[in-house]
Amino acid sequence: MTGNFRQNRAREHMDLMKHEVKQAKTTEQIEKKAVFYEEAVAAFDSQATKVIECLSQLPTIQQSHVKDIVEYFETIGQFHTKMAGAIAKRDF
């Protein structure tokens, strides 16, 4: 399950609980549904915190991937240079 899906599901659940609080007729219903709404808000906030943590890690992850890509192309360049030399010498 992706983080985006979980975040959307948490938001939808929170919105549903908010709607149910608004639709409640008695004080008892309001109090009961308000507790569920508060739990939904807490779950949404928890998921939002996880998303923010992931976003804060993106620059580090990007640097790692850029390093890997640079290393890959340097290796490919060395390979092509060696192969060009071997072809020029007919040493293959």
N, C-alpha and C. Protein backbone atom coordinates (compact mmCIF):
# COMPACT_ATOMS: atom_id res chain seq x y z
N MET A 1 0.86 -1.17 0.00
CA MET A 1 0.00 0.00 0.00
C MET A 1 0.91 1.23 0.00
N THR A 2 0.69 2.14 -0.89
CA THR A 2 1.54 3.31 -0.99
C THR A 2 1.18 4.34 0.06
N GLY A 3 2.16 5.20 0.36
CA GLY A 3 1.93 6.24 1.35
C GLY A 3 0.84 7.20 0.93
N ASN A 4 0.79 7.50 -0.38
CA ASN A 4 -0.25 8.40 -0.88
C ASN A 4 -1.63 7.81 -0.66
N PHE A 5 -1.78 6.51 -0.91
CA PHE A 5 -3.07 5.85 -0.71
C PHE A 5 -3.46 5.89 0.77
N ARG A 6 -2.49 5.60 1.65
CA ARG A 6 -2.77 5.62 3.09
C ARG A 6 -3.15 7.02 3.55
N GLN A 7 -2.45 8.02 3.02
CA GLN A 7 -2.74 9.41 3.39
C GLN A 7 -4.14 9.79 2.94
N ASN A 8 -4.50 9.42 1.72
CA ASN A 8 -5.84 9.72 1.21
C ASN A 8 -6.91 9.00 2.02
N ARG A 9 -6.65 7.73 2.34
CA ARG A 9 -7.61 6.96 3.13
C ARG A 9 -7.80 7.59 4.52
N ALA A 10 -6.70 8.03 5.14
CA ALA A 10 -6.79 8.67 6.45
C ALA A 10 -7.57 9.97 6.37
N ARG A 11 -7.34 10.74 5.30
CA ARG A 11 -8.06 12.01 5.13
C ARG A 11 -9.55 11.76 4.91
N GLU A 12 -9.86 10.77 4.07
CA GLU A 12 -11.27 10.45 3.81
C GLU A 12 -11.97 9.98 5.08
N HIS A 13 -11.28 9.17 5.87
CA HIS A 13 -11.87 8.69 7.14
C HIS A 13 -12.10 9.87 8.08
N MET A 14 -11.14 10.78 8.15
CA MET A 14 -11.28 11.95 9.00
C MET A 14 -12.46 12.80 8.54
N ASP A 15 -12.60 13.00 7.24
CA ASP A 15 -13.72 13.78 6.70
C ASP A 15 -15.06 13.11 7.01
N LEU A 16 -15.10 11.78 6.90
CA LEU A 16 -16.32 11.04 7.21
C LEU A 16 -16.70 11.21 8.68
N MET A 17 -15.71 11.11 9.56
CA MET A 17 -15.99 11.27 11.00
C MET A 17 -16.47 12.70 11.30
N LYS A 18 -15.88 13.67 10.63
CA LYS A 18 -16.31 15.06 10.82
C LYS A 18 -17.76 15.23 10.38
N HIS A 19 -18.10 14.63 9.25
CA HIS A 19 -19.47 14.69 8.75
C HIS A 19 -20.43 14.03 9.73
N GLU A 20 -20.04 12.88 10.29
CA GLU A 20 -20.90 12.19 11.24
C GLU A 20 -21.11 13.02 12.51
N VAL A 21 -20.09 13.74 12.94
CA VAL A 21 -20.26 14.62 14.11
C VAL A 21 -21.28 15.69 13.80
N LYS A 22 -21.20 16.26 12.60
CA LYS A 22 -22.15 17.31 12.21
C LYS A 22 -23.57 16.77 12.10
N GLN A 23 -23.71 15.50 11.72
CA GLN A 23 -25.04 14.90 11.55
C GLN A 23 -25.64 14.38 12.85
N ALA A 24 -24.85 14.31 13.90
CA ALA A 24 -25.35 13.78 15.18
C ALA A 24 -26.44 14.68 15.73
N LYS A 25 -27.45 14.06 16.34
CA LYS A 25 -28.61 14.81 16.84
C LYS A 25 -28.56 15.05 18.35
N THR A 26 -28.05 14.09 19.08
CA THR A 26 -28.06 14.23 20.54
C THR A 26 -26.66 14.52 21.05
N THR A 27 -26.60 15.02 22.26
CA THR A 27 -25.31 15.31 22.89
C THR A 27 -24.48 14.03 23.02
N GLU A 28 -25.15 12.95 23.37
CA GLU A 28 -24.45 11.67 23.52
C GLU A 28 -23.83 11.23 22.19
N GLN A 29 -24.59 11.36 21.10
CA GLN A 29 -24.07 11.00 19.78
C GLN A 29 -22.90 11.90 19.39
N ILE A 30 -23.05 13.18 19.68
CA ILE A 30 -21.98 14.14 19.35
C ILE A 30 -20.70 13.77 20.09
N GLU A 31 -20.82 13.48 21.39
CA GLU A 31 -19.64 13.13 22.18
C GLU A 31 -18.99 11.85 21.68
N LYS A 32 -19.81 10.87 21.36
CA LYS A 32 -19.30 9.58 20.89
C LYS A 32 -18.59 9.74 19.54
N LYS A 33 -19.23 10.46 18.65
CA LYS A 33 -18.65 10.64 17.31
C LYS A 33 -17.46 11.59 17.34
N ALA A 34 -17.46 12.51 18.30
CA ALA A 34 -16.32 13.42 18.43
C ALA A 34 -15.05 12.64 18.82
N VAL A 35 -15.22 11.62 19.64
CA VAL A 35 -14.07 10.78 20.02
C VAL A 35 -13.51 10.08 18.78
N PHE A 36 -14.40 9.54 17.94
CA PHE A 36 -13.96 8.90 16.70
C PHE A 36 -13.28 9.90 15.77
N TYR A 37 -13.82 11.11 15.73
CA TYR A 37 -13.22 12.15 14.89
C TYR A 37 -11.81 12.49 15.38
N GLU A 38 -11.66 12.63 16.70
CA GLU A 38 -10.34 12.94 17.26
C GLU A 38 -9.34 11.82 16.95
N GLU A 39 -9.79 10.57 17.00
CA GLU A 39 -8.91 9.45 16.65
C GLU A 39 -8.54 9.51 15.17
N ALA A 40 -9.49 9.87 14.33
CA ALA A 40 -9.22 9.98 12.89
C ALA A 40 -8.23 11.11 12.62
N VAL A 41 -8.37 12.22 13.33
CA VAL A 41 -7.43 13.34 13.17
C VAL A 41 -6.03 12.90 13.60
N ALA A 42 -5.95 12.17 14.71
CA ALA A 42 -4.64 11.69 15.18
C ALA A 42 -4.01 10.74 14.16
N ALA A 43 -4.81 9.86 13.57
CA ALA A 43 -4.30 8.93 12.56
C ALA A 43 -3.82 9.70 11.33
N PHE A 44 -4.58 10.72 10.92
CA PHE A 44 -4.19 11.54 9.78
C PHE A 44 -2.89 12.28 10.07
N ASP A 45 -2.79 12.87 11.26
CA ASP A 45 -1.57 13.58 11.64
C ASP A 45 -0.37 12.65 11.66
N SER A 46 -0.57 11.44 12.15
CA SER A 46 0.51 10.46 12.18
C SER A 46 0.99 10.14 10.77
N GLN A 47 0.05 9.92 9.87
CA GLN A 47 0.40 9.61 8.49
C GLN A 47 1.06 10.82 7.82
N ALA A 48 0.57 12.01 8.12
CA ALA A 48 1.17 13.23 7.55
C ALA A 48 2.62 13.39 8.03
N THR A 49 2.87 13.06 9.28
CA THR A 49 4.22 13.13 9.83
C THR A 49 5.15 12.17 9.08
N LYS A 50 4.66 10.97 8.79
CA LYS A 50 5.46 10.00 8.04
C LYS A 50 5.78 10.52 6.64
N VAL A 51 4.80 11.15 6.01
CA VAL A 51 5.02 11.71 4.66
C VAL A 51 6.07 12.82 4.72
N ILE A 52 5.98 13.68 5.71
CA ILE A 52 6.94 14.77 5.86
C ILE A 52 8.34 14.23 6.09
N GLU A 53 8.46 13.17 6.90
CA GLU A 53 9.76 12.54 7.12
C GLU A 53 10.33 12.00 5.82
N CYS A 54 9.49 11.36 5.02
CA CYS A 54 9.94 10.83 3.73
C CYS A 54 10.40 11.97 2.82
N LEU A 55 9.65 13.05 2.81
CA LEU A 55 10.02 14.20 1.98
C LEU A 55 11.35 14.79 2.42
N SER A 56 11.61 14.81 3.72
CA SER A 56 12.87 15.37 4.20
C SER A 56 14.06 14.49 3.81
N GLN A 57 13.82 13.22 3.55
CA GLN A 57 14.89 12.30 3.16
C GLN A 57 15.17 12.33 1.66
N LEU A 58 14.30 12.94 0.88
CA LEU A 58 14.46 12.93 -0.58
C LEU A 58 15.79 13.50 -1.07
N PRO A 59 16.28 14.63 -0.54
CA PRO A 59 17.56 15.14 -1.04
C PRO A 59 18.71 14.14 -0.86
N THR A 60 18.74 13.44 0.27
CA THR A 60 19.78 12.45 0.51
C THR A 60 19.64 11.28 -0.46
N ILE A 61 18.42 10.83 -0.67
CA ILE A 61 18.17 9.73 -1.60
C ILE A 61 18.57 10.15 -3.02
N GLN A 62 18.23 11.39 -3.38
CA GLN A 62 18.56 11.89 -4.71
C GLN A 62 20.08 11.93 -4.90
N GLN A 63 20.81 12.41 -3.90
CA GLN A 63 22.27 12.46 -4.01
C GLN A 63 22.85 11.06 -4.22
N SER A 64 22.31 10.10 -3.51
CA SER A 64 22.77 8.72 -3.65
C SER A 64 22.54 8.21 -5.07
N HIS A 65 21.37 8.49 -5.61
CA HIS A 65 21.05 8.04 -6.97
C HIS A 65 21.91 8.76 -8.00
N VAL A 66 22.14 10.04 -7.81
CA VAL A 66 22.99 10.79 -8.74
C VAL A 66 24.40 10.20 -8.72
N LYS A 67 24.90 9.90 -7.53
CA LYS A 67 26.23 9.29 -7.41
C LYS A 67 26.29 7.96 -8.15
N ASP A 68 25.25 7.13 -7.99
CA ASP A 68 25.20 5.84 -8.69
C ASP A 68 25.18 6.02 -10.20
N ILE A 69 24.42 6.99 -10.68
CA ILE A 69 24.32 7.24 -12.12
C ILE A 69 25.66 7.72 -12.68
N VAL A 70 26.32 8.63 -11.95
CA VAL A 70 27.62 9.13 -12.40
C VAL A 70 28.62 7.98 -12.45
N GLU A 71 28.62 7.14 -11.41
CA GLU A 71 29.53 5.99 -11.38
C GLU A 71 29.25 5.05 -12.55
N TYR A 72 27.99 4.82 -12.85
CA TYR A 72 27.60 3.95 -13.96
C TYR A 72 28.16 4.48 -15.28
N PHE A 73 27.95 5.79 -15.54
CA PHE A 73 28.41 6.34 -16.81
C PHE A 73 29.93 6.42 -16.89
N GLU A 74 30.60 6.61 -15.75
CA GLU A 74 32.07 6.58 -15.76
C GLU A 74 32.56 5.18 -16.12
N THR A 75 31.92 4.16 -15.56
CA THR A 75 32.28 2.77 -15.86
C THR A 75 32.02 2.45 -17.33
N ILE A 76 30.89 2.87 -17.84
CA ILE A 76 30.57 2.65 -19.26
C ILE A 76 31.59 3.37 -20.13
N GLY A 77 31.97 4.60 -19.73
CA GLY A 77 32.97 5.35 -20.50
C GLY A 77 34.31 4.63 -20.53
N GLN A 78 34.73 4.09 -19.38
CA GLN A 78 35.99 3.34 -19.32
C GLN A 78 35.91 2.10 -20.20
N PHE A 79 34.79 1.41 -20.15
CA PHE A 79 34.60 0.22 -20.97
C PHE A 79 34.71 0.56 -22.46
N HIS A 80 34.05 1.63 -22.87
CA HIS A 80 34.08 2.02 -24.28
C HIS A 80 35.48 2.45 -24.71
N THR A 81 36.19 3.12 -23.82
CA THR A 81 37.56 3.53 -24.13
C THR A 81 38.44 2.30 -24.33
N LYS A 82 38.32 1.32 -23.43
CA LYS A 82 39.11 0.09 -23.55
C LYS A 82 38.74 -0.68 -24.82
N MET A 83 37.47 -0.75 -25.12
CA MET A 83 37.03 -1.46 -26.32
C MET A 83 37.51 -0.75 -27.58
N ALA A 84 37.48 0.58 -27.57
CA ALA A 84 37.97 1.33 -28.73
C ALA A 84 39.46 1.07 -28.93
N GLY A 85 40.21 1.01 -27.83
CA GLY A 85 41.64 0.70 -27.93
C GLY A 85 41.87 -0.71 -28.44
N ALA A 86 41.07 -1.67 -27.96
CA ALA A 86 41.21 -3.06 -28.40
C ALA A 86 40.86 -3.19 -29.88
N ILE A 87 39.83 -2.50 -30.31
CA ILE A 87 39.44 -2.55 -31.72
C ILE A 87 40.52 -1.92 -32.59
N ALA A 88 41.10 -0.81 -32.11
CA ALA A 88 42.16 -0.15 -32.87
C ALA A 88 43.37 -1.06 -33.02
N LYS A 89 43.68 -1.86 -32.00
CA LYS A 89 44.82 -2.78 -32.06
C LYS A 89 44.43 -4.12 -32.69
N ARG A 90 43.15 -4.31 -32.87
CA ARG A 90 42.60 -5.58 -33.35
C ARG A 90 42.97 -6.69 -32.37
N ASP A 91 42.87 -6.34 -31.11
CA ASP A 91 43.29 -7.25 -30.03
C ASP A 91 42.06 -7.75 -29.28
N PHE A 92 41.19 -8.43 -30.02
CA PHE A 92 39.99 -8.97 -29.36
C PHE A 92 39.72 -10.38 -29.79
